[in-house]
């Protein structure tokens, strides 16, 4: 059949091989410009994410951090160190110490404090007569000019022995001159150098500080004119202060509104209580609903063990309860279970402050 007719392979000839095209390796495929921009964007994105992850890991490892805030309360005035005050005191002591027979010794001693100024500090050797000996030197005040300069005011007390030829009266020249007591206020300018304090200028003398005038306390308290209350105030003040000087702690408990405020023990004073001179009663301001409070200002006389009379002023804060006065504060002891007698302080006061005692060089 025609459908199954054999093909004549010989007639058709040999099979033809298909030729494959070779790729040119010198031509490399290139990515479109759009794809290159995406790669750069992805690079920076992952760098950013890596840094963000690293920061978070560090914060997690450190935990919560507390930032402390320092709040400064009170006086922020620069505090002058005790060493600077002591330096000024030492200088002032050497400045006012001399002997007419050993004048050069003063210049030698001053050389340990000064620099760039006359070694005799203006007091020439031929001007020095007699002798001067400092009995006490105290810091009266300080003023910090800047970070390197401080003015220290010193009060000097000294004994001065004149020579006979310094006396005005010719008749007295044959006798020994009396010993004079002198006091001077002097400002010492101290420079804080890298190596330590130094004095580079002459000191200057200033006048004694002018005393203040009394202030009107009418707005804070008023004098009580009631005779009965005044009589109770005098009786309390006399008994209380006498018991205090005698060191009778058991008796003192009787005068306190709160017995826990009374001292459990008190040393007997070296001074002997004599009598109550006067006592003034003042009513102090009080809040709404509070008990009326008063202050007794008492003046008493005490004697030393040598019989020397001294006048003391006491301030007693009291309250009125059950027609009686009770002590709440005496200006010396407040709530401590032990108290010191006023043996070392012949003039106790409610405003005394032991933390402001002057530095003394004797």
C-alpha atoms as a PDB file:
ATOM      1  CA  UNK A   1       0.000   0.000   0.000  1.00  0.00           C
ATOM      2  CA  UNK A   2       0.984   3.472  -0.678  1.00  0.00           C
ATOM      3  CA  UNK A   3       0.765   4.278   2.952  1.00  0.00           C
ATOM      4  CA  UNK A   4       3.492   1.812   3.841  1.00  0.00           C
ATOM      5  CA  UNK A   5       5.826   2.724   1.049  1.00  0.00           C
ATOM      6  CA  UNK A   6       9.479   2.520   2.151  1.00  0.00           C
ATOM      7  CA  UNK A   7      11.583   5.487   1.943  1.00  0.00           C
ATOM      8  CA  UNK A   8      14.727   5.206  -0.033  1.00  0.00           C
ATOM      9  CA  UNK A   9      17.436   6.227   2.413  1.00  0.00           C
ATOM     10  CA  UNK A  10      20.125   5.965  -0.167  1.00  0.00           C
ATOM     11  CA  UNK A  11      18.348   8.375  -2.378  1.00  0.00           C
ATOM     12  CA  UNK A  12      18.027  10.846   0.358  1.00  0.00           C
ATOM     13  CA  UNK A  13      21.782  10.916   1.130  1.00  0.00           C
ATOM     14  CA  UNK A  14      23.650  10.941   4.415  1.00  0.00           C
ATOM     15  CA  UNK A  15      22.077  12.584   7.459  1.00  0.00           C
ATOM     16  CA  UNK A  16      22.939  16.181   8.039  1.00  0.00           C
ATOM     17  CA  UNK A  17      24.415  17.040  11.462  1.00  0.00           C
ATOM     18  CA  UNK A  18      23.034  20.077  13.286  1.00  0.00           C
ATOM     19  CA  UNK A  19      25.644  22.719  14.003  1.00  0.00           C
ATOM     20  CA  UNK A  20      25.427  24.298  17.489  1.00  0.00           C
ATOM     21  CA  UNK A  21      26.313  27.967  17.877  1.00  0.00           C
ATOM     22  CA  UNK A  22      29.163  28.710  20.266  1.00  0.00           C
ATOM     23  CA  UNK A  23      28.880  31.443  22.858  1.00  0.00           C
ATOM     24  CA  UNK A  24      31.373  34.253  22.845  1.00  0.00           C
ATOM     25  CA  UNK A  25      32.963  34.175  26.313  1.00  0.00           C
ATOM     26  CA  UNK A  26      34.451  37.638  25.877  1.00  0.00           C
ATOM     27  CA  UNK A  27      30.971  39.092  26.134  1.00  0.00           C
ATOM     28  CA  UNK A  28      29.774  38.981  29.775  1.00  0.00           C
ATOM     29  CA  UNK A  29      26.177  39.519  30.763  1.00  0.00           C
ATOM     30  CA  UNK A  30      25.496  42.727  32.603  1.00  0.00           C
ATOM     31  CA  UNK A  31      22.677  43.453  35.062  1.00  0.00           C
ATOM     32  CA  UNK A  32      20.435  46.350  34.277  1.00  0.00           C
ATOM     33  CA  UNK A  33      21.181  49.653  36.044  1.00  0.00           C
ATOM     34  CA  UNK A  34      17.978  49.373  38.045  1.00  0.00           C
ATOM     35  CA  UNK A  35      19.130  46.130  39.696  1.00  0.00           C
ATOM     36  CA  UNK A  36      22.516  47.688  40.689  1.00  0.00           C
ATOM     37  CA  UNK A  37      20.732  50.503  42.558  1.00  0.00           C
ATOM     38  CA  UNK A  38      18.673  47.987  44.479  1.00  0.00           C
ATOM     39  CA  UNK A  39      21.812  46.165  45.603  1.00  0.00           C
ATOM     40  CA  UNK A  40      23.304  49.385  46.979  1.00  0.00           C
ATOM     41  CA  UNK A  41      20.069  50.168  48.805  1.00  0.00           C
ATOM     42  CA  UNK A  42      19.917  46.688  50.326  1.00  0.00           C
ATOM     43  CA  UNK A  43      23.552  47.033  51.484  1.00  0.00           C
ATOM     44  CA  UNK A  44      22.925  50.242  53.398  1.00  0.00           C
ATOM     45  CA  UNK A  45      19.658  48.888  54.807  1.00  0.00           C
ATOM     46  CA  UNK A  46      21.345  45.853  56.342  1.00  0.00           C
ATOM     47  CA  UNK A  47      24.187  47.951  57.662  1.00  0.00           C
ATOM     48  CA  UNK A  48      21.640  50.195  59.416  1.00  0.00           C
ATOM     49  CA  UNK A  49      19.754  47.194  60.795  1.00  0.00           C
ATOM     50  CA  UNK A  50      22.996  45.676  62.070  1.00  0.00           C
ATOM     51  CA  UNK A  51      23.910  48.859  63.932  1.00  0.00           C
ATOM     52  CA  UNK A  52      20.416  49.115  65.372  1.00  0.00           C
ATOM     53  CA  UNK A  53      20.569  45.534  66.549  1.00  0.00           C
ATOM     54  CA  UNK A  54      24.000  46.076  68.092  1.00  0.00           C
ATOM     55  CA  UNK A  55      22.817  49.148  69.996  1.00  0.00           C
ATOM     56  CA  UNK A  56      19.813  47.278  71.335  1.00  0.00           C
ATOM     57  CA  UNK A  57      21.995  44.377  72.460  1.00  0.00           C
ATOM     58  CA  UNK A  58      24.331  46.734  74.324  1.00  0.00           C
ATOM     59  CA  UNK A  59      21.418  48.505  76.018  1.00  0.00           C
ATOM     60  CA  UNK A  60      19.959  45.168  77.083  1.00  0.00           C
ATOM     61  CA  UNK A  61      23.302  44.051  78.500  1.00  0.00           C
ATOM     62  CA  UNK A  62      23.747  47.276  80.534  1.00  0.00           C
ATOM     63  CA  UNK A  63      20.277  47.164  82.019  1.00  0.00           C
ATOM     64  CA  UNK A  64      18.492  50.190  83.461  1.00  0.00           C
ATOM     65  CA  UNK A  65      20.783  53.094  84.274  1.00  0.00           C
ATOM     66  CA  UNK A  66      19.902  55.530  87.061  1.00  0.00           C
ATOM     67  CA  UNK A  67      20.967  59.135  86.630  1.00  0.00           C
ATOM     68  CA  UNK A  68      21.613  60.726  89.999  1.00  0.00           C
ATOM     69  CA  UNK A  69      20.690  64.381  90.342  1.00  0.00           C
ATOM     70  CA  UNK A  70      22.570  66.320  92.986  1.00  0.00           C
ATOM     71  CA  UNK A  71      20.583  69.066  94.675  1.00  0.00           C
ATOM     72  CA  UNK A  72      22.701  71.527  96.645  1.00  0.00           C
ATOM     73  CA  UNK A  73      20.968  73.023  99.658  1.00  0.00           C
ATOM     74  CA  UNK A  74      22.153  75.739 101.985  1.00  0.00           C
ATOM     75  CA  UNK A  75      25.081  78.061 101.565  1.00  0.00           C
ATOM     76  CA  UNK A  76      27.052  77.577  98.349  1.00  0.00           C
ATOM     77  CA  UNK A  77      29.688  80.189  99.195  1.00  0.00           C
ATOM     78  CA  UNK A  78      33.210  78.821  98.646  1.00  0.00           C
ATOM     79  CA  UNK A  79      34.677  77.510 101.883  1.00  0.00           C
ATOM     80  CA  UNK A  80      38.148  78.736 102.769  1.00  0.00           C
ATOM     81  CA  UNK A  81      40.243  75.835 104.014  1.00  0.00           C
ATOM     82  CA  UNK A  82      41.668  75.825 107.505  1.00  0.00           C
ATOM     83  CA  UNK A  83      45.180  75.603 106.088  1.00  0.00           C
ATOM     84  CA  UNK A  84      44.799  78.995 104.376  1.00  0.00           C
ATOM     85  CA  UNK A  85      43.410  80.540 107.570  1.00  0.00           C
ATOM     86  CA  UNK A  86      46.252  79.042 109.563  1.00  0.00           C
ATOM     87  CA  UNK A  87      48.777  80.396 107.065  1.00  0.00           C
ATOM     88  CA  UNK A  88      47.371  83.912 107.515  1.00  0.00           C
ATOM     89  CA  UNK A  89      47.407  83.523 111.309  1.00  0.00           C
ATOM     90  CA  UNK A  90      51.020  82.367 111.337  1.00  0.00           C
ATOM     91  CA  UNK A  91      52.028  85.297 109.161  1.00  0.00           C
ATOM     92  CA  UNK A  92      50.174  87.813 111.336  1.00  0.00           C
ATOM     93  CA  UNK A  93      51.823  86.392 114.456  1.00  0.00           C
ATOM     94  CA  UNK A  94      55.312  86.749 112.968  1.00  0.00           C
ATOM     95  CA  UNK A  95      54.439  90.176 111.566  1.00  0.00           C
ATOM     96  CA  UNK A  96      53.677  91.578 115.032  1.00  0.00           C
ATOM     97  CA  UNK A  97      56.467  89.786 116.905  1.00  0.00           C
ATOM     98  CA  UNK A  98      59.804  91.534 117.342  1.00  0.00           C
ATOM     99  CA  UNK A  99      62.480  92.505 119.804  1.00  0.00           C
ATOM    100  CA  UNK A 100      64.661  95.581 119.502  1.00  0.00           C
ATOM    101  CA  UNK A 101      67.736  93.479 120.258  1.00  0.00           C
ATOM    102  CA  UNK A 102      66.964  90.905 117.544  1.00  0.00           C
ATOM    103  CA  UNK A 103      65.395  92.883 114.719  1.00  0.00           C
ATOM    104  CA  UNK A 104      66.859  90.773 111.916  1.00  0.00           C
ATOM    105  CA  UNK A 105      65.118  87.706 113.303  1.00  0.00           C
ATOM    106  CA  UNK A 106      61.731  89.114 112.270  1.00  0.00           C
ATOM    107  CA  UNK A 107      62.815  89.451 108.638  1.00  0.00           C
ATOM    108  CA  UNK A 108      64.040  85.864 108.604  1.00  0.00           C
ATOM    109  CA  UNK A 109      60.778  84.555 109.972  1.00  0.00           C
ATOM    110  CA  UNK A 110      58.687  86.537 107.486  1.00  0.00           C
ATOM    111  CA  UNK A 111      60.654  85.114 104.542  1.00  0.00           C
ATOM    112  CA  UNK A 112      58.742  81.838 104.991  1.00  0.00           C
ATOM    113  CA  UNK A 113      55.473  83.540 103.988  1.00  0.00           C
ATOM    114  CA  UNK A 114      56.246  86.267 101.427  1.00  0.00           C
ATOM    115  CA  UNK A 115      57.615  86.530  97.895  1.00  0.00           C
ATOM    116  CA  UNK A 116      58.264  89.451  95.567  1.00  0.00           C
ATOM    117  CA  UNK A 117      57.930  92.076  98.308  1.00  0.00           C
ATOM    118  CA  UNK A 118      60.157  93.817 100.857  1.00  0.00           C
ATOM    119  CA  UNK A 119      61.460  91.236 103.323  1.00  0.00           C
ATOM    120  CA  UNK A 120      60.726  93.533 106.285  1.00  0.00           C
ATOM    121  CA  UNK A 121      57.132  94.134 105.064  1.00  0.00           C
ATOM    122  CA  UNK A 122      57.541  97.915 105.387  1.00  0.00           C
ATOM    123  CA  UNK A 123      58.716  97.950 109.004  1.00  0.00           C
ATOM    124  CA  UNK A 124      62.350  99.064 108.764  1.00  0.00           C
ATOM    125  CA  UNK A 125      64.845  97.727 111.274  1.00  0.00           C
ATOM    126  CA  UNK A 126      65.818 101.177 112.552  1.00  0.00           C
ATOM    127  CA  UNK A 127      62.124 101.943 113.208  1.00  0.00           C
ATOM    128  CA  UNK A 128      61.682  98.947 115.492  1.00  0.00           C
ATOM    129  CA  UNK A 129      61.866  99.917 119.162  1.00  0.00           C
ATOM    130  CA  UNK A 130      60.986  97.966 122.246  1.00  0.00           C
ATOM    131  CA  UNK A 131      59.316  94.606 121.865  1.00  0.00           C
ATOM    132  CA  UNK A 132      55.995  93.228 120.675  1.00  0.00           C
ATOM    133  CA  UNK A 133      54.622  89.812 121.624  1.00  0.00           C
ATOM    134  CA  UNK A 134      51.393  88.390 120.217  1.00  0.00           C
ATOM    135  CA  UNK A 135      49.133  86.910 122.890  1.00  0.00           C
ATOM    136  CA  UNK A 136      46.348  85.758 120.550  1.00  0.00           C
ATOM    137  CA  UNK A 137      45.512  85.705 116.843  1.00  0.00           C
ATOM    138  CA  UNK A 138      42.068  84.838 115.551  1.00  0.00           C
ATOM    139  CA  UNK A 139      40.358  84.730 112.172  1.00  0.00           C
ATOM    140  CA  UNK A 140      37.701  87.430 112.110  1.00  0.00           C
ATOM    141  CA  UNK A 141      36.437  86.862 108.578  1.00  0.00           C
ATOM    142  CA  UNK A 142      37.304  85.622 105.081  1.00  0.00           C
ATOM    143  CA  UNK A 143      36.526  86.888 101.602  1.00  0.00           C
ATOM    144  CA  UNK A 144      37.378  84.874  98.481  1.00  0.00           C
ATOM    145  CA  UNK A 145      38.162  87.384  95.740  1.00  0.00           C
ATOM    146  CA  UNK A 146      38.619  84.749  93.019  1.00  0.00           C
ATOM    147  CA  UNK A 147      39.956  81.229  92.628  1.00  0.00           C
ATOM    148  CA  UNK A 148      43.536  82.309  93.469  1.00  0.00           C
ATOM    149  CA  UNK A 149      43.099  85.197  95.926  1.00  0.00           C
ATOM    150  CA  UNK A 150      41.609  85.194  99.428  1.00  0.00           C
ATOM    151  CA  UNK A 151      41.449  88.023 101.958  1.00  0.00           C
ATOM    152  CA  UNK A 152      41.663  86.814 105.555  1.00  0.00           C
ATOM    153  CA  UNK A 153      40.802  89.322 108.288  1.00  0.00           C
ATOM    154  CA  UNK A 154      42.762  88.628 111.469  1.00  0.00           C
ATOM    155  CA  UNK A 155      42.354  90.222 114.903  1.00  0.00           C
ATOM    156  CA  UNK A 156      45.637  90.438 116.825  1.00  0.00           C
ATOM    157  CA  UNK A 157      46.080  91.024 120.552  1.00  0.00           C
ATOM    158  CA  UNK A 158      49.614  91.751 121.708  1.00  0.00           C
ATOM    159  CA  UNK A 159      51.708  93.034 124.576  1.00  0.00           C
ATOM    160  CA  UNK A 160      53.981  95.963 123.732  1.00  0.00           C
ATOM    161  CA  UNK A 161      56.966  96.885 125.888  1.00  0.00           C
ATOM    162  CA  UNK A 162      58.336 100.322 125.090  1.00  0.00           C
ATOM    163  CA  UNK A 163      61.868 101.516 125.683  1.00  0.00           C
ATOM    164  CA  UNK A 164      62.491 104.249 128.246  1.00  0.00           C
ATOM    165  CA  UNK A 165      63.479 106.791 125.577  1.00  0.00           C
ATOM    166  CA  UNK A 166      60.072 106.373 123.916  1.00  0.00           C
ATOM    167  CA  UNK A 167      58.258 107.888 126.894  1.00  0.00           C
ATOM    168  CA  UNK A 168      57.130 111.481 126.493  1.00  0.00           C
ATOM    169  CA  UNK A 169      57.640 112.523 130.077  1.00  0.00           C
ATOM    170  CA  UNK A 170      61.334 112.959 130.873  1.00  0.00           C
ATOM    171  CA  UNK A 171      60.736 112.080 134.498  1.00  0.00           C
ATOM    172  CA  UNK A 172      59.326 108.685 133.522  1.00  0.00           C
ATOM    173  CA  UNK A 173      62.355 107.793 131.406  1.00  0.00           C
ATOM    174  CA  UNK A 174      64.171 106.648 134.494  1.00  0.00           C
ATOM    175  CA  UNK A 175      61.479 104.071 135.223  1.00  0.00           C
ATOM    176  CA  UNK A 176      60.548 100.857 133.433  1.00  0.00           C
ATOM    177  CA  UNK A 177      57.831 101.537 130.837  1.00  0.00           C
ATOM    178  CA  UNK A 178      54.502  99.806 131.519  1.00  0.00           C
ATOM    179  CA  UNK A 179      53.336  96.861 129.451  1.00  0.00           C
ATOM    180  CA  UNK A 180      50.706  97.989 126.944  1.00  0.00           C
ATOM    181  CA  UNK A 181      47.819  95.869 125.664  1.00  0.00           C
ATOM    182  CA  UNK A 182      47.104  96.473 121.978  1.00  0.00           C
ATOM    183  CA  UNK A 183      44.562  95.092 119.521  1.00  0.00           C
ATOM    184  CA  UNK A 184      44.579  95.410 115.718  1.00  0.00           C
ATOM    185  CA  UNK A 185      42.431  94.192 112.809  1.00  0.00           C
ATOM    186  CA  UNK A 186      44.454  93.340 109.732  1.00  0.00           C
ATOM    187  CA  UNK A 187      43.530  91.938 106.308  1.00  0.00           C
ATOM    188  CA  UNK A 188      46.067  89.460 104.950  1.00  0.00           C
ATOM    189  CA  UNK A 189      45.852  88.894 101.185  1.00  0.00           C
ATOM    190  CA  UNK A 190      46.754  85.282 100.427  1.00  0.00           C
ATOM    191  CA  UNK A 191      47.537  84.037  96.924  1.00  0.00           C
ATOM    192  CA  UNK A 192      46.949  80.353  96.200  1.00  0.00           C
ATOM    193  CA  UNK A 193      49.925  79.388  94.069  1.00  0.00           C
ATOM    194  CA  UNK A 194      50.509  75.945  92.601  1.00  0.00           C
ATOM    195  CA  UNK A 195      53.003  75.090  95.320  1.00  0.00           C
ATOM    196  CA  UNK A 196      50.872  76.488  98.149  1.00  0.00           C
ATOM    197  CA  UNK A 197      49.717  79.777  99.719  1.00  0.00           C
ATOM    198  CA  UNK A 198      51.958  82.828  99.504  1.00  0.00           C
ATOM    199  CA  UNK A 199      51.714  86.524 100.406  1.00  0.00           C
ATOM    200  CA  UNK A 200      52.656  88.958  97.646  1.00  0.00           C
ATOM    201  CA  UNK A 201      51.329  92.272  98.966  1.00  0.00           C
ATOM    202  CA  UNK A 202      51.411  94.340 102.127  1.00  0.00           C
ATOM    203  CA  UNK A 203      48.664  93.712 104.682  1.00  0.00           C
ATOM    204  CA  UNK A 204      46.203  96.496 105.391  1.00  0.00           C
ATOM    205  CA  UNK A 205      44.722  97.591 108.696  1.00  0.00           C
ATOM    206  CA  UNK A 206      40.981  98.070 109.064  1.00  0.00           C
ATOM    207  CA  UNK A 207      38.771  99.450 111.791  1.00  0.00           C
ATOM    208  CA  UNK A 208      36.881  97.338 114.251  1.00  0.00           C
ATOM    209  CA  UNK A 209      33.498  96.265 112.933  1.00  0.00           C
ATOM    210  CA  UNK A 210      30.771  98.677 113.944  1.00  0.00           C
ATOM    211  CA  UNK A 211      28.279  97.248 116.392  1.00  0.00           C
ATOM    212  CA  UNK A 212      24.672  96.851 115.341  1.00  0.00           C
ATOM    213  CA  UNK A 213      21.630  98.490 116.866  1.00  0.00           C
ATOM    214  CA  UNK A 214      18.810  96.704 118.642  1.00  0.00           C
ATOM    215  CA  UNK A 215      15.982  95.398 116.496  1.00  0.00           C
ATOM    216  CA  UNK A 216      12.305  95.787 117.175  1.00  0.00           C
ATOM    217  CA  UNK A 217      10.875  92.402 118.046  1.00  0.00           C
ATOM    218  CA  UNK A 218       7.315  93.615 118.474  1.00  0.00           C
ATOM    219  CA  UNK A 219       6.179  91.680 115.411  1.00  0.00           C
ATOM    220  CA  UNK A 220       7.480  88.390 116.829  1.00  0.00           C
ATOM    221  CA  UNK A 221       6.690  88.711 120.513  1.00  0.00           C
ATOM    222  CA  UNK A 222       5.093  91.071 122.962  1.00  0.00           C
ATOM    223  CA  UNK A 223       5.770  91.765 126.593  1.00  0.00           C
ATOM    224  CA  UNK A 224       3.193  90.245 128.905  1.00  0.00           C
ATOM    225  CA  UNK A 225       1.779  92.689 131.427  1.00  0.00           C
ATOM    226  CA  UNK A 226      -0.272  90.240 133.463  1.00  0.00           C
ATOM    227  CA  UNK A 227       1.097  90.359 137.033  1.00  0.00           C
ATOM    228  CA  UNK A 228       0.066  86.783 137.835  1.00  0.00           C
ATOM    229  CA  UNK A 229       1.839  85.383 134.782  1.00  0.00           C
ATOM    230  CA  UNK A 230       4.928  87.476 135.509  1.00  0.00           C
ATOM    231  CA  UNK A 231       5.047  86.127 139.055  1.00  0.00           C
ATOM    232  CA  UNK A 232       4.827  82.530 137.795  1.00  0.00           C
ATOM    233  CA  UNK A 233       7.562  83.204 135.250  1.00  0.00           C
ATOM    234  CA  UNK A 234       9.947  84.583 137.886  1.00  0.00           C
ATOM    235  CA  UNK A 235       9.274  81.655 140.203  1.00  0.00           C
ATOM    236  CA  UNK A 236       9.916  79.117 137.450  1.00  0.00           C
ATOM    237  CA  UNK A 237      13.066  80.865 136.216  1.00  0.00           C
ATOM    238  CA  UNK A 238      14.566  81.140 139.713  1.00  0.00           C
ATOM    239  CA  UNK A 239      13.915  77.497 140.610  1.00  0.00           C
ATOM    240  CA  UNK A 240      14.876  76.064 137.229  1.00  0.00           C
ATOM    241  CA  UNK A 241      18.183  77.933 136.801  1.00  0.00           C
ATOM    242  CA  UNK A 242      19.182  77.240 140.408  1.00  0.00           C
ATOM    243  CA  UNK A 243      18.586  73.496 139.899  1.00  0.00           C
ATOM    244  CA  UNK A 244      20.598  73.597 136.682  1.00  0.00           C
ATOM    245  CA  UNK A 245      23.668  75.146 138.328  1.00  0.00           C
ATOM    246  CA  UNK A 246      23.386  72.752 141.268  1.00  0.00           C
ATOM    247  CA  UNK A 247      23.238  69.763 138.894  1.00  0.00           C
ATOM    248  CA  UNK A 248      19.927  68.526 140.322  1.00  0.00           C
ATOM    249  CA  UNK A 249      18.565  66.497 137.383  1.00  0.00           C
ATOM    250  CA  UNK A 250      15.734  65.033 139.465  1.00  0.00           C
ATOM    251  CA  UNK A 251      14.438  68.479 140.308  1.00  0.00           C
ATOM    252  CA  UNK A 252      14.707  69.616 136.679  1.00  0.00           C
ATOM    253  CA  UNK A 253      12.282  66.932 135.519  1.00  0.00           C
ATOM    254  CA  UNK A 254       9.600  68.679 137.524  1.00  0.00           C
ATOM    255  CA  UNK A 255       9.822  71.751 135.300  1.00  0.00           C
ATOM    256  CA  UNK A 256       9.468  70.054 131.884  1.00  0.00           C
ATOM    257  CA  UNK A 257       6.180  69.640 130.042  1.00  0.00           C
ATOM    258  CA  UNK A 258       7.603  66.464 128.495  1.00  0.00           C
ATOM    259  CA  UNK A 259       9.769  64.661 131.030  1.00  0.00           C
ATOM    260  CA  UNK A 260      11.574  62.856 128.205  1.00  0.00           C
ATOM    261  CA  UNK A 261      13.172  66.197 127.281  1.00  0.00           C
ATOM    262  CA  UNK A 262      14.628  66.623 130.752  1.00  0.00           C
ATOM    263  CA  UNK A 263      18.269  65.572 131.208  1.00  0.00           C
ATOM    264  CA  UNK A 264      18.719  62.332 133.113  1.00  0.00           C
ATOM    265  CA  UNK A 265      22.057  63.493 134.496  1.00  0.00           C
ATOM    266  CA  UNK A 266      23.818  66.838 134.707  1.00  0.00           C
ATOM    267  CA  UNK A 267      27.180  67.828 136.100  1.00  0.00           C
ATOM    268  CA  UNK A 268      27.286  70.409 138.843  1.00  0.00           C
ATOM    269  CA  UNK A 269      28.540  73.778 137.651  1.00  0.00           C
ATOM    270  CA  UNK A 270      31.781  75.397 138.771  1.00  0.00           C
ATOM    271  CA  UNK A 271      29.779  78.569 139.244  1.00  0.00           C
ATOM    272  CA  UNK A 272      27.496  79.105 142.235  1.00  0.00           C
ATOM    273  CA  UNK A 273      24.022  80.468 141.616  1.00  0.00           C
ATOM    274  CA  UNK A 274      23.325  83.601 143.659  1.00  0.00           C
ATOM    275  CA  UNK A 275      20.028  85.167 142.731  1.00  0.00           C
ATOM    276  CA  UNK A 276      17.562  86.120 140.013  1.00  0.00           C
ATOM    277  CA  UNK A 277      18.013  89.768 139.115  1.00  0.00           C
ATOM    278  CA  UNK A 278      15.048  90.141 136.777  1.00  0.00           C
ATOM    279  CA  UNK A 279      12.814  88.144 134.442  1.00  0.00           C
ATOM    280  CA  UNK A 280      10.753  89.428 131.510  1.00  0.00           C
ATOM    281  CA  UNK A 281       7.917  87.355 130.010  1.00  0.00           C
ATOM    282  CA  UNK A 282       7.144  87.553 126.288  1.00  0.00           C
ATOM    283  CA  UNK A 283       4.283  85.890 124.445  1.00  0.00           C
ATOM    284  CA  UNK A 284       5.453  84.191 121.272  1.00  0.00           C
ATOM    285  CA  UNK A 285       3.328  83.803 118.104  1.00  0.00           C
ATOM    286  CA  UNK A 286       1.489  80.489 117.871  1.00  0.00           C
ATOM    287  CA  UNK A 287      -0.676  78.773 115.262  1.00  0.00           C
ATOM    288  CA  UNK A 288      -4.394  78.173 115.366  1.00  0.00           C
ATOM    289  CA  UNK A 289      -5.274  75.508 117.922  1.00  0.00           C
ATOM    290  CA  UNK A 290      -1.818  75.538 119.515  1.00  0.00           C
ATOM    291  CA  UNK A 291      -1.142  76.215 123.169  1.00  0.00           C
ATOM    292  CA  UNK A 292       0.088  79.681 124.073  1.00  0.00           C
ATOM    293  CA  UNK A 293       3.862  79.740 124.144  1.00  0.00           C
ATOM    294  CA  UNK A 294       6.058  82.193 126.016  1.00  0.00           C
ATOM    295  CA  UNK A 295       9.712  83.074 126.451  1.00  0.00           C
ATOM    296  CA  UNK A 296      11.280  84.047 129.741  1.00  0.00           C
ATOM    297  CA  UNK A 297      14.376  86.237 129.460  1.00  0.00           C
ATOM    298  CA  UNK A 298      16.016  85.927 132.863  1.00  0.00           C
ATOM    299  CA  UNK A 299      19.071  87.741 134.224  1.00  0.00           C
ATOM    300  CA  UNK A 300      20.861  86.020 137.086  1.00  0.00           C
ATOM    301  CA  UNK A 301      24.036  86.496 139.116  1.00  0.00           C
ATOM    302  CA  UNK A 302      26.557  83.674 139.640  1.00  0.00           C
ATOM    303  CA  UNK A 303      29.891  83.564 141.415  1.00  0.00           C
ATOM    304  CA  UNK A 304      33.050  81.749 140.378  1.00  0.00           C
ATOM    305  CA  UNK A 305      35.015  79.567 142.781  1.00  0.00           C
ATOM    306  CA  UNK A 306      37.117  82.678 143.494  1.00  0.00           C
ATOM    307  CA  UNK A 307      34.071  84.693 144.456  1.00  0.00           C
ATOM    308  CA  UNK A 308      34.000  86.718 141.211  1.00  0.00           C
ATOM    309  CA  UNK A 309      30.449  87.813 140.324  1.00  0.00           C
ATOM    310  CA  UNK A 310      29.183  87.314 136.773  1.00  0.00           C
ATOM    311  CA  UNK A 311      25.861  88.212 135.189  1.00  0.00           C
ATOM    312  CA  UNK A 312      24.214  85.625 132.936  1.00  0.00           C
ATOM    313  CA  UNK A 313      21.216  85.812 130.621  1.00  0.00           C
ATOM    314  CA  UNK A 314      19.006  82.768 130.099  1.00  0.00           C
ATOM    315  CA  UNK A 315      16.231  82.271 127.536  1.00  0.00           C
ATOM    316  CA  UNK A 316      13.584  79.760 128.610  1.00  0.00           C
ATOM    317  CA  UNK A 317      10.842  78.746 126.188  1.00  0.00           C
ATOM    318  CA  UNK A 318       7.748  77.730 128.168  1.00  0.00           C
ATOM    319  CA  UNK A 319       4.107  76.760 127.665  1.00  0.00           C
ATOM    320  CA  UNK A 320       1.182  77.225 130.000  1.00  0.00           C
ATOM    321  CA  UNK A 321      -0.678  74.102 131.076  1.00  0.00           C
ATOM    322  CA  UNK A 322      -3.022  73.657 134.033  1.00  0.00           C
ATOM    323  CA  UNK A 323      -2.280  77.195 135.258  1.00  0.00           C
ATOM    324  CA  UNK A 324       1.454  76.451 135.358  1.00  0.00           C
ATOM    325  CA  UNK A 325       4.479  77.169 133.201  1.00  0.00           C
ATOM    326  CA  UNK A 326       6.516  74.228 131.841  1.00  0.00           C
ATOM    327  CA  UNK A 327       9.876  74.451 130.086  1.00  0.00           C
ATOM    328  CA  UNK A 328      10.162  73.235 126.489  1.00  0.00           C
ATOM    329  CA  UNK A 329      13.684  74.545 125.767  1.00  0.00           C
ATOM    330  CA  UNK A 330      16.442  76.296 127.700  1.00  0.00           C
ATOM    331  CA  UNK A 331      18.690  77.210 124.760  1.00  0.00           C
ATOM    332  CA  UNK A 332      21.437  74.802 125.882  1.00  0.00           C
ATOM    333  CA  UNK A 333      20.002  71.310 126.031  1.00  0.00           C
ATOM    334  CA  UNK A 334      17.179  70.133 123.790  1.00  0.00           C
ATOM    335  CA  UNK A 335      16.032  66.578 124.151  1.00  0.00           C
ATOM    336  CA  UNK A 336      19.404  64.995 124.961  1.00  0.00           C
ATOM    337  CA  UNK A 337      19.398  62.658 127.930  1.00  0.00           C
ATOM    338  CA  UNK A 338      22.707  64.039 129.156  1.00  0.00           C
ATOM    339  CA  UNK A 339      23.548  67.679 129.513  1.00  0.00           C
ATOM    340  CA  UNK A 340      26.592  69.754 130.246  1.00  0.00           C
ATOM    341  CA  UNK A 341      26.589  72.234 133.075  1.00  0.00           C
ATOM    342  CA  UNK A 342      27.241  75.879 132.207  1.00  0.00           C
ATOM    343  CA  UNK A 343      30.596  75.720 133.972  1.00  0.00           C
ATOM    344  CA  UNK A 344      32.559  76.482 130.823  1.00  0.00           C
ATOM    345  CA  UNK A 345      30.121  79.087 129.514  1.00  0.00           C
ATOM    346  CA  UNK A 346      29.245  81.861 131.963  1.00  0.00           C
ATOM    347  CA  UNK A 347      26.745  83.314 129.504  1.00  0.00           C
ATOM    348  CA  UNK A 348      24.499  80.613 128.000  1.00  0.00           C
ATOM    349  CA  UNK A 349      22.286  81.738 125.159  1.00  0.00           C
ATOM    350  CA  UNK A 350      19.675  80.210 122.910  1.00  0.00           C
ATOM    351  CA  UNK A 351      21.562  81.414 119.860  1.00  0.00           C
ATOM    352  CA  UNK A 352      24.933  79.943 120.767  1.00  0.00           C
ATOM    353  CA  UNK A 353      26.669  77.918 118.073  1.00  0.00           C
ATOM    354  CA  UNK A 354      29.745  75.915 118.943  1.00  0.00           C
ATOM    355  CA  UNK A 355      30.512  75.237 115.276  1.00  0.00           C
ATOM    356  CA  UNK A 356      31.561  78.831 114.596  1.00  0.00           C
ATOM    357  CA  UNK A 357      34.361  79.113 117.100  1.00  0.00           C
ATOM    358  CA  UNK A 358      37.283  81.136 115.741  1.00  0.00           C
ATOM    359  CA  UNK A 359      40.615  79.573 114.940  1.00  0.00           C
ATOM    360  CA  UNK A 360      43.078  80.694 117.593  1.00  0.00           C
ATOM    361  CA  UNK A 361      46.858  80.835 117.475  1.00  0.00           C
ATOM    362  CA  UNK A 362      48.571  81.512 120.731  1.00  0.00           C
END
